Amino acid sequence: MRKENKMHAKKIKEYREKKGFTAKQLASMIGVSPPSITYFEQGLRNPTLDTLERIGDALGVDPRLLLDR
């Protein structure tokens, strides 16, 4: 896993857990499968910019915060 992917993954999981959402709940809110959230959080796949925007909206954070290093 590349370092950038790991950083993004940590941010997504961190904000999701702060909001008290399960991966399944977040997936349902943004229209992706629960395994997709797991892949994003483990750094195995990168979400598209559109998906990052939907994640940010669902978590109530600026999507750019999910990319910050």
Protein backbone atom coordinates (compact mmCIF):
# COMPACT_ATOMS: atom_id res chain seq x y z
CA MET A 1 0.00 0.00 0.00
CA ARG A 2 1.34 3.41 -0.91
CA LYS A 3 1.76 5.95 1.87
CA GLU A 4 -0.81 8.30 0.29
CA ASN A 5 -3.45 5.57 0.26
CA LYS A 6 -2.80 4.78 3.89
CA MET A 7 -3.20 8.44 4.87
CA HIS A 8 -6.51 8.75 3.03
CA ALA A 9 -7.68 5.49 4.53
CA LYS A 10 -6.94 6.65 8.07
CA LYS A 11 -8.83 9.90 7.54
CA ILE A 12 -11.94 8.23 6.15
CA LYS A 13 -12.09 5.73 8.99
CA GLU A 14 -11.30 8.37 11.61
CA TYR A 15 -14.14 10.66 10.54
CA ARG A 16 -16.58 7.77 10.08
CA GLU A 17 -15.91 6.52 13.59
CA LYS A 18 -16.19 10.05 15.04
CA LYS A 19 -19.68 10.25 13.56
CA GLY A 20 -20.54 6.83 14.98
CA PHE A 21 -21.34 5.28 11.60
CA THR A 22 -20.65 1.71 10.65
CA ALA A 23 -19.08 1.04 7.26
CA LYS A 24 -22.43 -0.41 6.18
CA GLN A 25 -24.28 2.75 7.19
CA LEU A 26 -21.84 5.03 5.39
CA ALA A 27 -21.98 2.84 2.29
CA SER A 28 -25.77 3.08 2.24
CA MET A 29 -25.65 6.85 2.67
CA ILE A 30 -23.33 7.39 -0.29
CA GLY A 31 -24.55 4.64 -2.61
CA VAL A 32 -21.63 2.22 -2.62
CA SER A 33 -21.27 -1.32 -1.35
CA PRO A 34 -20.06 -1.95 2.22
CA PRO A 35 -16.94 -3.71 0.93
CA SER A 36 -16.04 -0.53 -0.97
CA ILE A 37 -15.85 1.40 2.30
CA THR A 38 -13.64 -1.34 3.73
CA TYR A 39 -11.37 -1.19 0.67
CA PHE A 40 -11.10 2.61 0.95
CA GLU A 41 -10.32 2.43 4.66
CA GLN A 42 -7.70 -0.25 4.18
CA GLY A 43 -6.08 1.67 1.34
CA LEU A 44 -6.73 -1.15 -1.11
CA ARG A 45 -8.70 1.10 -3.46
CA ASN A 46 -8.97 4.83 -3.96
CA PRO A 47 -12.38 6.45 -4.07
CA THR A 48 -13.16 8.65 -7.04
CA LEU A 49 -13.35 12.39 -6.46
CA ASP A 50 -17.13 12.14 -6.69
CA THR A 51 -17.16 9.41 -4.04
CA LEU A 52 -14.83 11.43 -1.81
CA GLU A 53 -17.23 14.35 -2.09
CA ARG A 54 -20.16 12.12 -1.11
CA ILE A 55 -18.16 10.71 1.82
CA GLY A 56 -17.33 14.21 2.99
CA ASP A 57 -20.97 15.30 2.69
CA ALA A 58 -22.20 12.25 4.60
CA LEU A 59 -19.63 12.79 7.36
CA GLY A 60 -20.14 16.54 7.49
CA VAL A 61 -16.55 17.39 6.60
CA ASP A 62 -14.92 19.19 3.72
CA PRO A 63 -13.77 16.42 1.33
CA ARG A 64 -10.37 18.12 1.16
CA LEU A 65 -9.83 17.14 4.80
CA LEU A 66 -9.95 13.53 3.70
CA LEU A 67 -6.97 14.23 1.42
CA ASP A 68 -4.85 16.31 3.78
CA ARG A 69 -1.57 14.79 4.78
